Protein backbone atom coordinates (compact mmCIF):
# COMPACT_ATOMS: atom_id res chain seq x y z
CA MET A 1 107.66 108.91 126.03
CA GLU A 2 105.79 105.91 124.66
CA VAL A 3 103.09 104.32 126.82
CA ASN A 4 102.81 100.56 126.48
CA ALA A 5 99.31 99.37 125.58
CA PRO A 6 97.65 97.17 128.24
CA PRO A 7 97.92 93.44 127.51
CA ASP A 8 95.01 91.72 125.79
CA PRO A 9 92.96 90.02 128.58
CA PHE A 10 92.40 87.00 126.32
CA TYR A 11 96.10 86.25 126.11
CA VAL A 12 96.52 86.75 129.86
CA ILE A 13 93.72 84.25 130.56
CA ARG A 14 95.02 81.85 127.91
CA SER A 15 98.47 81.89 129.51
CA GLU A 16 96.95 81.16 132.93
CA VAL A 17 94.79 78.35 131.54
CA ILE A 18 97.76 76.75 129.75
CA SER A 19 99.78 76.91 132.97
CA GLN A 20 96.94 75.33 134.96
CA TYR A 21 96.42 72.71 132.27
CA ASN A 22 100.11 71.73 132.40
CA GLU A 23 99.86 71.30 136.17
CA ILE A 24 96.81 69.07 135.67
CA GLN A 25 98.76 66.98 133.16
CA GLN A 26 101.55 66.46 135.71
CA LYS A 27 99.05 65.38 138.37
CA LEU A 28 97.31 63.15 135.82
CA SER A 29 100.60 61.41 135.04
CA ARG A 30 101.12 60.85 138.76
CA PHE A 31 97.53 59.60 139.05
CA HIS A 32 98.12 56.92 136.38
CA MET A 33 101.22 55.70 138.19
CA LEU A 34 99.33 54.96 141.42
CA THR A 35 97.32 51.82 142.13
CA ALA A 36 93.60 51.93 142.84
CA ALA A 37 94.26 51.05 146.48
CA ASN A 38 96.60 54.00 147.04
CA PRO A 39 94.79 56.78 149.02
CA GLU A 40 96.85 59.44 147.23
CA ARG A 41 95.15 58.45 143.98
CA LYS A 42 91.74 59.47 145.29
CA SER A 43 93.10 62.77 146.61
CA LEU A 44 94.73 63.52 143.26
CA ALA A 45 91.47 62.75 141.46
CA LYS A 46 89.65 65.37 143.57
CA ASP A 47 92.36 67.95 142.96
CA ILE A 48 92.35 67.31 139.21
CA GLU A 49 88.58 67.58 138.94
CA SER A 50 88.56 70.76 141.05
CA GLU A 51 91.20 72.37 138.86
CA CYS A 52 89.33 71.29 135.74
CA ASN A 53 86.22 73.03 137.07
CA ALA A 54 88.25 76.18 137.71
CA ILE A 55 89.52 76.17 134.13
CA ILE A 56 86.01 75.63 132.76
CA MET A 57 84.80 78.62 134.80
CA GLN A 58 87.53 80.80 133.23
CA LEU A 59 86.62 79.49 129.79
CA ASP A 60 82.95 80.35 130.36
CA MET A 61 83.81 83.95 131.34
CA THR A 62 86.13 84.27 128.36
CA GLN A 63 83.41 82.88 126.08
CA GLU A 64 81.00 85.57 127.27
CA ALA A 65 83.58 88.28 126.58
CA ILE A 66 84.25 86.93 123.07
CA ASP A 67 80.50 86.77 122.33
CA ILE A 68 80.24 90.45 123.24
CA ALA A 69 83.29 91.37 121.12
CA ALA A 70 81.93 89.39 118.17
CA HIS A 71 79.07 91.89 117.76
CA ASP A 72 81.54 94.71 117.05
CA PRO A 73 85.09 93.33 116.55
CA VAL A 74 86.51 96.66 115.30
CA ARG A 75 85.66 98.33 118.59
CA PHE A 76 87.86 95.80 120.39
CA ASN A 77 90.66 95.92 117.78
CA LEU A 78 89.81 92.43 116.55
CA THR A 79 89.17 90.85 113.19
CA VAL A 80 86.51 88.28 112.34
CA ASP A 81 89.22 85.65 111.81
CA GLU A 82 90.76 86.40 115.19
CA VAL A 83 87.39 86.06 116.92
CA ALA A 84 86.87 82.72 115.19
CA SER A 85 90.39 81.60 116.20
CA ARG A 86 89.72 82.45 119.84
CA ARG A 87 86.43 80.58 119.81
CA LYS A 88 88.16 77.55 118.31
CA TRP A 89 90.78 77.60 121.07
CA LEU A 90 88.05 77.82 123.72
CA ASP A 91 86.14 74.86 122.23
CA THR A 92 89.28 72.73 121.92
CA THR A 93 90.45 73.51 125.44
CA ARG A 94 87.00 72.85 126.86
CA ARG A 95 86.91 69.42 125.16
CA GLN A 96 90.33 68.59 126.53
CA VAL A 97 89.40 69.53 130.10
CA ASP A 98 86.04 67.73 129.86
CA GLY A 99 87.89 64.68 128.59
CA ILE A 100 90.20 64.71 131.62
CA LYS A 101 87.24 65.08 134.00
CA GLN A 102 85.41 62.22 132.33
CA SER A 103 88.45 59.96 132.44
CA ILE A 104 89.02 60.71 136.13
CA ARG A 105 85.39 60.00 136.98
CA THR A 106 85.43 56.80 134.98
CA MET A 107 88.65 55.55 136.52
CA THR A 108 87.55 56.37 140.08
CA ALA A 109 84.05 54.90 139.66
CA SER A 110 83.11 52.29 142.27
CA THR A 111 81.79 49.82 139.67
CA PRO A 112 84.11 46.82 139.91
CA THR A 113 83.09 45.32 136.58
CA LEU A 114 84.54 48.03 134.30
CA PRO A 115 88.19 48.52 135.28
CA THR A 116 89.51 47.39 131.91
CA MET A 117 87.00 49.45 129.94
CA ALA A 118 87.72 52.44 132.18
CA ASP A 119 91.41 52.15 131.47
CA LYS A 120 90.74 52.03 127.75
CA ILE A 121 88.49 55.08 127.92
CA ALA A 122 91.02 56.95 130.06
CA LYS A 123 93.81 56.07 127.68
CA SER A 124 91.76 57.16 124.68
CA ASN A 125 90.80 60.42 126.37
CA ASN A 126 94.38 61.02 127.44
CA GLU A 127 95.65 60.44 123.90
CA PHE A 128 93.05 62.84 122.56
CA VAL A 129 94.03 65.43 125.16
CA MET A 130 97.72 65.06 124.40
CA SER A 131 97.06 65.30 120.66
CA GLU A 132 95.03 68.47 121.06
CA GLN A 133 97.63 69.91 123.39
CA GLN A 134 100.34 69.32 120.82
CA LYS A 135 98.21 71.01 118.16
CA GLN A 136 97.66 74.00 120.42
CA GLU A 137 101.36 74.21 121.19
CA MET A 138 102.14 74.11 117.48
CA ILE A 139 99.62 76.88 116.79
CA VAL A 140 101.12 79.05 119.55
CA LYS A 141 104.62 78.33 118.25
CA ASN A 142 103.64 79.34 114.71
CA GLN A 143 102.01 82.51 116.01
CA ASP A 144 105.16 83.37 117.95
CA HIS A 145 107.24 82.76 114.83
CA HIS A 146 105.01 85.07 112.78
CA LEU A 147 105.26 87.74 115.46
CA VAL A 148 109.07 87.50 115.38
CA GLU A 149 109.07 87.85 111.58
CA ILE A 150 106.77 90.86 111.79
CA GLY A 151 109.07 92.38 114.41
CA LYS A 152 112.06 91.93 112.09
CA LYS A 153 110.22 93.62 109.21
CA VAL A 154 109.27 96.52 111.48
CA ASP A 155 112.93 96.91 112.49
CA VAL A 156 113.95 96.98 108.82
CA LEU A 157 111.37 99.68 108.08
CA LYS A 158 112.60 101.72 111.05
CA GLU A 159 116.18 101.47 109.79
CA MET A 160 115.10 102.53 106.28
CA ASN A 161 113.22 105.52 107.70
CA LYS A 162 116.30 106.47 109.71
CA GLN A 163 118.53 106.32 106.63
CA ILE A 164 116.07 108.36 104.58
CA TYR A 165 115.94 110.99 107.32
CA GLU A 166 119.73 111.15 107.46
CA HIS A 167 119.92 111.56 103.66
CA LEU A 168 117.36 114.35 103.80
CA GLU A 169 119.39 116.11 106.48
CA GLU A 170 122.55 115.84 104.34
CA ASP A 171 120.69 117.17 101.30
CA GLN A 172 119.36 120.09 103.34
CA LYS A 173 122.89 120.94 104.50
CA LEU A 174 124.11 120.91 100.88
CA ILE A 175 121.22 123.16 99.82
CA ASP A 176 121.97 125.61 102.66
CA LYS A 177 125.66 125.64 101.69
CA LEU A 178 124.78 126.25 98.02
CA ASP A 179 122.46 129.12 98.99
CA THR A 180 125.27 130.71 101.00
CA GLU A 181 127.72 130.36 98.10
CA VAL A 182 125.18 131.84 95.66
CA GLU A 183 124.60 134.82 97.95
CA THR A 184 128.37 135.38 98.31
CA THR A 185 128.91 135.15 94.54
CA THR A 186 126.01 137.53 93.87
CA SER A 187 127.45 140.08 96.30
CA ARG A 188 130.85 139.85 94.60
CA LEU A 189 129.29 140.28 91.15
CA LYS A 190 127.40 143.36 92.32
CA ALA A 191 130.59 144.86 93.78
CA THR A 192 132.52 144.13 90.56
CA GLN A 193 129.73 145.61 88.46
CA LYS A 194 129.78 148.79 90.57
CA LYS A 195 133.55 149.14 90.13
CA MET A 196 133.21 148.70 86.36
CA MET A 197 130.54 151.41 86.19
CA ASP A 198 132.80 153.77 88.16
CA ILE A 199 135.65 153.06 85.78
CA ILE A 200 133.41 153.64 82.75
CA ARG A 201 132.18 156.96 84.15
CA GLN A 202 135.74 158.02 84.87
CA SER A 203 136.80 157.03 81.34
CA LYS A 204 134.00 159.12 79.80
CA THR A 205 135.01 162.19 81.83
CA THR A 206 138.69 161.87 80.80
CA THR A 207 137.73 161.49 77.12
CA GLN A 208 135.57 164.62 77.18
CA ILE A 209 138.37 166.67 78.76
CA THR A 210 140.80 165.44 76.13
CA ILE A 211 138.43 166.39 73.31
CA ILE A 212 137.92 169.91 74.76
CA VAL A 213 141.66 170.46 75.09
CA VAL A 214 142.21 169.33 71.50
CA LEU A 215 139.45 171.65 70.25
CA ILE A 216 140.91 174.59 72.15
CA ILE A 217 144.31 173.92 70.62
CA ILE A 218 142.75 173.72 67.13
CA LEU A 219 140.86 177.02 67.69
CA ALA A 220 144.02 178.66 68.92
CA VAL A 221 145.90 177.54 65.81
CA LEU A 222 143.12 178.77 63.50
CA ALA A 223 142.93 182.10 65.28
CA TYR A 224 146.65 182.49 64.92
CA PHE A 225 146.52 182.04 61.16
CA VAL A 226 143.40 184.16 60.74
CA PHE A 227 144.57 187.20 62.73
CA ARG A 228 148.23 187.07 61.75
């Protein structure tokens, strides 16, 4: 019975972070739809910043784990490229979350003289965040596609191994059948050879008796003429 390997903690945390990030994006969209005078806007800003802090805390813990694994990647079944890829994802995600926090703080600042500038900064940060999110989604999609292709190749190899095994079994059956036929034929040849030897021995005995009888008859004839 095969035992499934435990999931990689990095991918578990990444899935949770992506889920939390998507929730933040939904709240951020709602935040932009509200006016500055709406009390819900301020409440949403607090929730978004709190959730951003929670994500950053997870990213910090993950960063520590990756730094430890980077000293001996083989021990953790990782490659140098995979460690670098994970660090890149952490840096990109951290920038995205920091950008959201900064835009929220800017847009909820009490300074009345910068509303237009704040909107521009928020829009710029939001566009950057969306762009990075799309890049991350594309990377994940490509990775999933590669995993599917690898899975297909593994299935093909399994099928080839199965066919080879079946051919070997058929060949073994033919060899066993041939061995049985050879043994049967050998036994028959030995029996036939024994019968031939018996016949030859019997033929020799009959020939000797015939010769003796002929010699006796010749001696009898000679004796008859000699003693007559």
